[in-house]
């Protein structure tokens, strides 16, 4: 939560004078290098041999949706207020809950549904101009 909160504000500062597309590209290079170093330090090499085609397919699909999410996020961040863009992005919690219930058969409790409703309500309040 702490790092995610900083991410949007720092990114908005980094976009000064450049396009959202270029900013996203630069950020992604840093993420790529950081994650590679992290994996080299903490992932046992024997685990790599256990990767199957199904892992690659699902993680590849996740990578594509992540890239699309980041592209739209940076386009919005370039022109919008950080608070509004970040809140709309957090609406993804509701999408994730619904998809997890549908595809993964995760159970939605009344408490979770109330929380999702509050997220949507907050999104509508803050995003409204």
N, C-alpha and C. Protein backbone atom coordinates (compact mmCIF):
# COMPACT_ATOMS: atom_id res chain seq x y z
N UNK A 1 0.83 -1.18 0.00
CA UNK A 1 0.00 0.00 0.00
C UNK A 1 0.88 1.25 0.00
N UNK A 2 1.91 1.24 0.83
CA UNK A 2 2.80 2.39 0.96
C UNK A 2 3.52 2.66 -0.37
N UNK A 3 4.15 1.62 -0.93
CA UNK A 3 4.88 1.80 -2.18
C UNK A 3 3.94 2.12 -3.34
N UNK A 4 2.78 1.49 -3.38
CA UNK A 4 1.81 1.76 -4.44
C UNK A 4 1.35 3.22 -4.39
N UNK A 5 1.18 3.75 -3.19
CA UNK A 5 0.79 5.15 -3.05
C UNK A 5 1.86 6.09 -3.57
N UNK A 6 3.09 5.79 -3.28
CA UNK A 6 4.19 6.60 -3.77
C UNK A 6 4.33 6.51 -5.29
N UNK A 7 4.06 5.33 -5.83
CA UNK A 7 4.27 5.08 -7.26
C UNK A 7 3.57 6.10 -8.13
N UNK A 8 2.31 6.37 -7.86
CA UNK A 8 1.54 7.28 -8.71
C UNK A 8 2.08 8.70 -8.65
N UNK A 9 2.40 9.18 -7.47
CA UNK A 9 2.89 10.55 -7.32
C UNK A 9 4.27 10.69 -7.96
N UNK A 10 5.13 9.73 -7.73
CA UNK A 10 6.47 9.76 -8.32
C UNK A 10 6.37 9.69 -9.84
N UNK A 11 5.49 8.83 -10.35
CA UNK A 11 5.32 8.69 -11.80
C UNK A 11 4.83 10.00 -12.41
N UNK A 12 3.87 10.65 -11.77
CA UNK A 12 3.36 11.93 -12.28
C UNK A 12 4.50 12.95 -12.37
N UNK A 13 5.37 12.98 -11.38
CA UNK A 13 6.53 13.89 -11.41
C UNK A 13 7.46 13.52 -12.57
N UNK A 14 7.65 12.23 -12.78
CA UNK A 14 8.53 11.76 -13.85
C UNK A 14 8.01 12.02 -15.25
N UNK A 15 6.71 12.25 -15.38
CA UNK A 15 6.12 12.48 -16.70
C UNK A 15 6.24 13.93 -17.15
N UNK A 16 6.77 14.80 -16.30
CA UNK A 16 6.90 16.21 -16.66
C UNK A 16 7.76 16.36 -17.92
N UNK A 17 7.16 16.90 -18.95
CA UNK A 17 7.90 17.18 -20.18
C UNK A 17 8.06 16.03 -21.14
N UNK A 18 7.52 14.84 -20.80
CA UNK A 18 7.60 13.70 -21.73
C UNK A 18 6.22 13.07 -21.84
N UNK A 19 6.05 12.24 -22.84
CA UNK A 19 4.76 11.56 -23.05
C UNK A 19 4.57 10.44 -22.03
N UNK A 20 3.32 10.09 -21.82
CA UNK A 20 3.02 8.96 -20.95
C UNK A 20 3.61 7.67 -21.48
N UNK A 21 3.64 7.54 -22.80
CA UNK A 21 4.19 6.32 -23.41
C UNK A 21 5.68 6.18 -23.13
N UNK A 22 6.42 7.28 -23.27
CA UNK A 22 7.85 7.23 -23.00
C UNK A 22 8.10 7.00 -21.50
N UNK A 23 7.32 7.69 -20.67
CA UNK A 23 7.46 7.50 -19.23
C UNK A 23 7.23 6.05 -18.82
N UNK A 24 6.19 5.44 -19.38
CA UNK A 24 5.90 4.04 -19.09
C UNK A 24 7.03 3.14 -19.55
N UNK A 25 7.60 3.42 -20.71
CA UNK A 25 8.69 2.61 -21.23
C UNK A 25 9.91 2.67 -20.30
N UNK A 26 10.26 3.88 -19.88
CA UNK A 26 11.41 4.04 -18.97
C UNK A 26 11.14 3.32 -17.66
N UNK A 27 9.95 3.50 -17.10
CA UNK A 27 9.60 2.83 -15.84
C UNK A 27 9.69 1.31 -16.00
N UNK A 28 9.19 0.80 -17.11
CA UNK A 28 9.16 -0.64 -17.33
C UNK A 28 10.58 -1.22 -17.41
N UNK A 29 11.51 -0.49 -18.00
CA UNK A 29 12.90 -0.94 -18.04
C UNK A 29 13.45 -1.08 -16.62
N UNK A 30 13.16 -0.10 -15.77
CA UNK A 30 13.61 -0.18 -14.38
C UNK A 30 12.96 -1.36 -13.66
N UNK A 31 11.67 -1.57 -13.87
CA UNK A 31 10.97 -2.70 -13.24
C UNK A 31 11.59 -4.01 -13.71
N UNK A 32 11.82 -4.13 -15.00
CA UNK A 32 12.40 -5.34 -15.59
C UNK A 32 13.74 -5.68 -14.94
N UNK A 33 14.62 -4.70 -14.87
CA UNK A 33 15.96 -4.93 -14.29
C UNK A 33 15.83 -5.30 -12.82
N UNK A 34 15.02 -4.56 -12.09
CA UNK A 34 14.85 -4.84 -10.66
C UNK A 34 14.32 -6.25 -10.42
N UNK A 35 13.33 -6.66 -11.18
CA UNK A 35 12.73 -7.99 -11.00
C UNK A 35 13.72 -9.08 -11.40
N UNK A 36 14.49 -8.86 -12.44
CA UNK A 36 15.51 -9.85 -12.82
C UNK A 36 16.54 -10.03 -11.71
N UNK A 37 17.00 -8.94 -11.14
CA UNK A 37 17.98 -9.02 -10.03
C UNK A 37 17.33 -9.73 -8.84
N UNK A 38 16.09 -9.37 -8.54
CA UNK A 38 15.37 -10.01 -7.43
C UNK A 38 15.27 -11.52 -7.66
N UNK A 39 14.89 -11.92 -8.86
CA UNK A 39 14.76 -13.35 -9.17
C UNK A 39 16.11 -14.05 -9.08
N UNK A 40 17.15 -13.42 -9.58
CA UNK A 40 18.49 -14.02 -9.53
C UNK A 40 18.94 -14.26 -8.10
N UNK A 41 18.53 -13.38 -7.19
CA UNK A 41 18.93 -13.50 -5.80
C UNK A 41 18.06 -14.48 -5.00
N UNK A 42 16.77 -14.58 -5.33
CA UNK A 42 15.85 -15.29 -4.45
C UNK A 42 15.11 -16.49 -5.04
N UNK A 43 15.21 -16.71 -6.35
CA UNK A 43 14.52 -17.86 -6.95
C UNK A 43 15.53 -18.97 -7.19
N UNK A 44 15.32 -20.13 -6.57
CA UNK A 44 16.25 -21.26 -6.81
C UNK A 44 16.19 -21.69 -8.28
N UNK A 45 17.36 -21.94 -8.87
CA UNK A 45 17.41 -22.31 -10.29
C UNK A 45 16.64 -23.59 -10.58
N UNK A 46 16.58 -24.50 -9.64
CA UNK A 46 15.85 -25.76 -9.88
C UNK A 46 14.36 -25.50 -10.09
N UNK A 47 13.85 -24.40 -9.56
CA UNK A 47 12.43 -24.06 -9.74
C UNK A 47 12.12 -23.70 -11.20
N UNK A 48 13.09 -23.15 -11.90
CA UNK A 48 12.89 -22.75 -13.30
C UNK A 48 12.57 -23.96 -14.16
N UNK A 49 13.19 -25.09 -13.88
CA UNK A 49 12.95 -26.29 -14.67
C UNK A 49 11.54 -26.84 -14.49
N UNK A 50 10.84 -26.40 -13.46
CA UNK A 50 9.48 -26.86 -13.22
C UNK A 50 8.41 -26.05 -13.93
N UNK A 51 8.82 -25.02 -14.65
CA UNK A 51 7.85 -24.18 -15.36
C UNK A 51 7.27 -24.98 -16.52
N UNK A 52 5.94 -24.98 -16.61
CA UNK A 52 5.25 -25.72 -17.68
C UNK A 52 4.60 -24.75 -18.65
N UNK A 53 4.13 -25.27 -19.76
CA UNK A 53 3.50 -24.44 -20.80
C UNK A 53 2.28 -23.70 -20.24
N UNK A 54 1.53 -24.37 -19.37
CA UNK A 54 0.35 -23.72 -18.81
C UNK A 54 0.74 -22.52 -17.94
N UNK A 55 1.87 -22.63 -17.23
CA UNK A 55 2.38 -21.49 -16.46
C UNK A 55 2.71 -20.32 -17.39
N UNK A 56 3.41 -20.63 -18.47
CA UNK A 56 3.79 -19.59 -19.43
C UNK A 56 2.56 -18.94 -20.05
N UNK A 57 1.55 -19.75 -20.39
CA UNK A 57 0.34 -19.20 -21.02
C UNK A 57 -0.35 -18.23 -20.07
N UNK A 58 -0.65 -18.67 -18.85
CA UNK A 58 -1.38 -17.81 -17.90
C UNK A 58 -0.56 -16.60 -17.48
N UNK A 59 0.73 -16.79 -17.23
CA UNK A 59 1.56 -15.65 -16.85
C UNK A 59 1.78 -14.70 -18.02
N UNK A 60 1.84 -15.24 -19.23
CA UNK A 60 1.91 -14.39 -20.42
C UNK A 60 0.65 -13.57 -20.59
N UNK A 61 -0.50 -14.20 -20.40
CA UNK A 61 -1.77 -13.47 -20.47
C UNK A 61 -1.83 -12.39 -19.41
N UNK A 62 -1.33 -12.71 -18.22
CA UNK A 62 -1.26 -11.72 -17.15
C UNK A 62 -0.34 -10.56 -17.52
N UNK A 63 0.75 -10.87 -18.19
CA UNK A 63 1.67 -9.83 -18.65
C UNK A 63 1.03 -8.91 -19.67
N UNK A 64 0.24 -9.48 -20.57
CA UNK A 64 -0.46 -8.65 -21.56
C UNK A 64 -1.47 -7.74 -20.88
N UNK A 65 -2.25 -8.28 -19.95
CA UNK A 65 -3.24 -7.43 -19.26
C UNK A 65 -2.54 -6.39 -18.39
N UNK A 66 -1.40 -6.74 -17.81
CA UNK A 66 -0.63 -5.76 -17.04
C UNK A 66 -0.15 -4.63 -17.94
N UNK A 67 0.39 -4.99 -19.10
CA UNK A 67 0.87 -3.97 -20.03
C UNK A 67 -0.27 -3.05 -20.47
N UNK A 68 -1.42 -3.61 -20.80
CA UNK A 68 -2.56 -2.78 -21.20
C UNK A 68 -3.00 -1.87 -20.05
N UNK A 69 -3.02 -2.42 -18.84
CA UNK A 69 -3.38 -1.63 -17.67
C UNK A 69 -2.42 -0.47 -17.48
N UNK A 70 -1.14 -0.73 -17.59
CA UNK A 70 -0.13 0.31 -17.42
C UNK A 70 -0.22 1.37 -18.52
N UNK A 71 -0.46 0.94 -19.76
CA UNK A 71 -0.59 1.89 -20.87
C UNK A 71 -1.73 2.87 -20.60
N UNK A 72 -2.90 2.36 -20.24
CA UNK A 72 -4.04 3.23 -19.97
C UNK A 72 -3.81 4.07 -18.71
N UNK A 73 -3.17 3.48 -17.70
CA UNK A 73 -2.90 4.19 -16.46
C UNK A 73 -1.99 5.40 -16.72
N UNK A 74 -0.93 5.19 -17.49
CA UNK A 74 0.00 6.29 -17.75
C UNK A 74 -0.60 7.35 -18.66
N UNK A 75 -1.45 6.95 -19.60
CA UNK A 75 -2.16 7.94 -20.42
C UNK A 75 -3.06 8.79 -19.53
N UNK A 76 -3.77 8.16 -18.62
CA UNK A 76 -4.66 8.88 -17.71
C UNK A 76 -3.87 9.74 -16.73
N UNK A 77 -2.77 9.21 -16.22
CA UNK A 77 -1.94 9.94 -15.25
C UNK A 77 -1.35 11.20 -15.88
N UNK A 78 -1.02 11.14 -17.15
CA UNK A 78 -0.44 12.29 -17.84
C UNK A 78 -1.42 13.46 -17.87
N UNK A 79 -2.71 13.18 -18.01
CA UNK A 79 -3.70 14.26 -18.18
C UNK A 79 -4.58 14.49 -16.95
N UNK A 80 -4.60 13.53 -16.03
CA UNK A 80 -5.54 13.63 -14.91
C UNK A 80 -4.88 13.84 -13.57
N UNK A 81 -5.72 14.05 -12.56
CA UNK A 81 -5.25 14.17 -11.18
C UNK A 81 -4.87 12.80 -10.65
N UNK A 82 -3.80 12.74 -9.89
CA UNK A 82 -3.31 11.48 -9.34
C UNK A 82 -4.40 10.79 -8.53
N UNK A 83 -5.08 11.52 -7.66
CA UNK A 83 -6.10 10.91 -6.79
C UNK A 83 -7.21 10.25 -7.60
N UNK A 84 -7.67 10.93 -8.65
CA UNK A 84 -8.75 10.38 -9.47
C UNK A 84 -8.28 9.15 -10.24
N UNK A 85 -7.11 9.26 -10.87
CA UNK A 85 -6.59 8.15 -11.66
C UNK A 85 -6.31 6.94 -10.76
N UNK A 86 -5.69 7.18 -9.61
CA UNK A 86 -5.37 6.07 -8.70
C UNK A 86 -6.63 5.41 -8.18
N UNK A 87 -7.66 6.20 -7.89
CA UNK A 87 -8.90 5.61 -7.39
C UNK A 87 -9.58 4.76 -8.46
N UNK A 88 -9.64 5.27 -9.68
CA UNK A 88 -10.24 4.49 -10.76
C UNK A 88 -9.46 3.19 -10.94
N UNK A 89 -8.14 3.27 -10.85
CA UNK A 89 -7.32 2.06 -10.94
C UNK A 89 -7.66 1.08 -9.83
N UNK A 90 -7.94 1.58 -8.64
CA UNK A 90 -8.27 0.69 -7.51
C UNK A 90 -9.64 0.03 -7.68
N UNK A 91 -10.43 0.56 -8.61
CA UNK A 91 -11.67 -0.13 -8.96
C UNK A 91 -11.39 -1.54 -9.47
N UNK A 92 -10.14 -1.79 -9.82
CA UNK A 92 -9.74 -3.13 -10.27
C UNK A 92 -9.96 -4.17 -9.18
N UNK A 93 -10.00 -3.73 -7.93
CA UNK A 93 -10.28 -4.67 -6.82
C UNK A 93 -11.65 -5.31 -7.03
N UNK A 94 -12.62 -4.52 -7.43
CA UNK A 94 -13.97 -5.03 -7.66
C UNK A 94 -13.97 -5.99 -8.84
N UNK A 95 -13.29 -5.62 -9.92
CA UNK A 95 -13.19 -6.50 -11.09
C UNK A 95 -12.53 -7.82 -10.70
N UNK A 96 -11.44 -7.74 -9.93
CA UNK A 96 -10.73 -8.95 -9.50
C UNK A 96 -11.61 -9.84 -8.65
N UNK A 97 -12.37 -9.23 -7.74
CA UNK A 97 -13.27 -10.03 -6.89
C UNK A 97 -14.30 -10.77 -7.72
N UNK A 98 -14.91 -10.07 -8.67
CA UNK A 98 -15.94 -10.69 -9.50
C UNK A 98 -15.36 -11.78 -10.40
N UNK A 99 -14.20 -11.52 -11.00
CA UNK A 99 -13.57 -12.54 -11.84
C UNK A 99 -13.14 -13.75 -11.02
N UNK A 100 -12.62 -13.52 -9.82
CA UNK A 100 -12.21 -14.64 -8.96
C UNK A 100 -13.41 -15.49 -8.56
N UNK A 101 -14.54 -14.85 -8.31
CA UNK A 101 -15.74 -15.61 -7.97
C UNK A 101 -16.21 -16.42 -9.18
N UNK A 102 -16.16 -15.83 -10.35
CA UNK A 102 -16.66 -16.48 -11.55
C UNK A 102 -15.71 -17.57 -12.05
N UNK A 103 -14.43 -17.23 -12.21
CA UNK A 103 -13.49 -18.17 -12.82
C UNK A 103 -12.83 -19.12 -11.83
N UNK A 104 -12.53 -18.62 -10.63
CA UNK A 104 -11.83 -19.44 -9.64
C UNK A 104 -12.75 -20.03 -8.59
N UNK A 105 -14.00 -19.66 -8.67
CA UNK A 105 -15.03 -20.14 -7.72
C UNK A 105 -14.73 -19.71 -6.28
N UNK A 106 -14.09 -18.54 -6.13
CA UNK A 106 -13.86 -18.01 -4.79
C UNK A 106 -15.19 -17.49 -4.24
N UNK A 107 -15.36 -17.64 -2.96
CA UNK A 107 -16.62 -17.28 -2.31
C UNK A 107 -16.65 -15.78 -1.98
N UNK A 108 -17.73 -15.12 -2.36
CA UNK A 108 -17.93 -13.72 -2.02
C UNK A 108 -18.85 -13.64 -0.80
N UNK A 109 -18.35 -13.04 0.25
CA UNK A 109 -19.13 -12.89 1.47
C UNK A 109 -19.87 -11.55 1.45
N UNK A 110 -20.89 -11.41 2.28
CA UNK A 110 -21.58 -10.11 2.37
C UNK A 110 -20.61 -8.98 2.72
N UNK A 111 -19.64 -9.25 3.56
CA UNK A 111 -18.64 -8.25 3.93
C UNK A 111 -17.84 -7.81 2.72
N UNK A 112 -17.45 -8.76 1.87
CA UNK A 112 -16.70 -8.43 0.66
C UNK A 112 -17.54 -7.63 -0.32
N UNK A 113 -18.80 -8.02 -0.46
CA UNK A 113 -19.70 -7.30 -1.36
C UNK A 113 -19.94 -5.88 -0.86
N UNK A 114 -20.07 -5.71 0.45
CA UNK A 114 -20.21 -4.37 1.02
C UNK A 114 -18.96 -3.54 0.72
N UNK A 115 -17.80 -4.12 0.93
CA UNK A 115 -16.55 -3.42 0.63
C UNK A 115 -16.45 -3.03 -0.84
N UNK A 116 -16.85 -3.94 -1.73
CA UNK A 116 -16.83 -3.64 -3.16
C UNK A 116 -17.79 -2.49 -3.47
N UNK A 117 -18.94 -2.51 -2.83
CA UNK A 117 -19.91 -1.43 -3.02
C UNK A 117 -19.36 -0.09 -2.55
N UNK A 118 -18.64 -0.11 -1.44
CA UNK A 118 -18.04 1.12 -0.92
C UNK A 118 -16.94 1.63 -1.86
N UNK A 119 -16.18 0.72 -2.44
CA UNK A 119 -15.15 1.12 -3.40
C UNK A 119 -15.80 1.80 -4.60
N UNK A 120 -16.85 1.18 -5.13
CA UNK A 120 -17.55 1.76 -6.29
C UNK A 120 -18.16 3.12 -5.91
N UNK A 121 -18.74 3.21 -4.71
CA UNK A 121 -19.31 4.48 -4.26
C UNK A 121 -18.24 5.56 -4.18
N UNK A 122 -17.11 5.23 -3.58
CA UNK A 122 -16.01 6.19 -3.49
C UNK A 122 -15.50 6.60 -4.86
N UNK A 123 -15.43 5.64 -5.75
CA UNK A 123 -15.00 5.92 -7.11
C UNK A 123 -15.94 6.92 -7.76
N UNK A 124 -17.25 6.72 -7.61
CA UNK A 124 -18.22 7.62 -8.22
C UNK A 124 -18.16 9.01 -7.59
N UNK A 125 -17.97 9.09 -6.28
CA UNK A 125 -17.90 10.39 -5.61
C UNK A 125 -16.67 11.17 -6.06
N UNK A 126 -15.50 10.53 -6.06
CA UNK A 126 -14.27 11.25 -6.38
C UNK A 126 -14.14 11.53 -7.87
N UNK A 127 -14.58 10.62 -8.71
CA UNK A 127 -14.42 10.78 -10.15
C UNK A 127 -15.40 11.79 -10.74
N UNK A 128 -16.48 12.05 -10.05
CA UNK A 128 -17.49 12.99 -10.57
C UNK A 128 -16.94 14.41 -10.51
N UNK A 129 -17.15 15.14 -11.56
CA UNK A 129 -16.65 16.52 -11.62
C UNK A 129 -17.76 17.50 -11.37
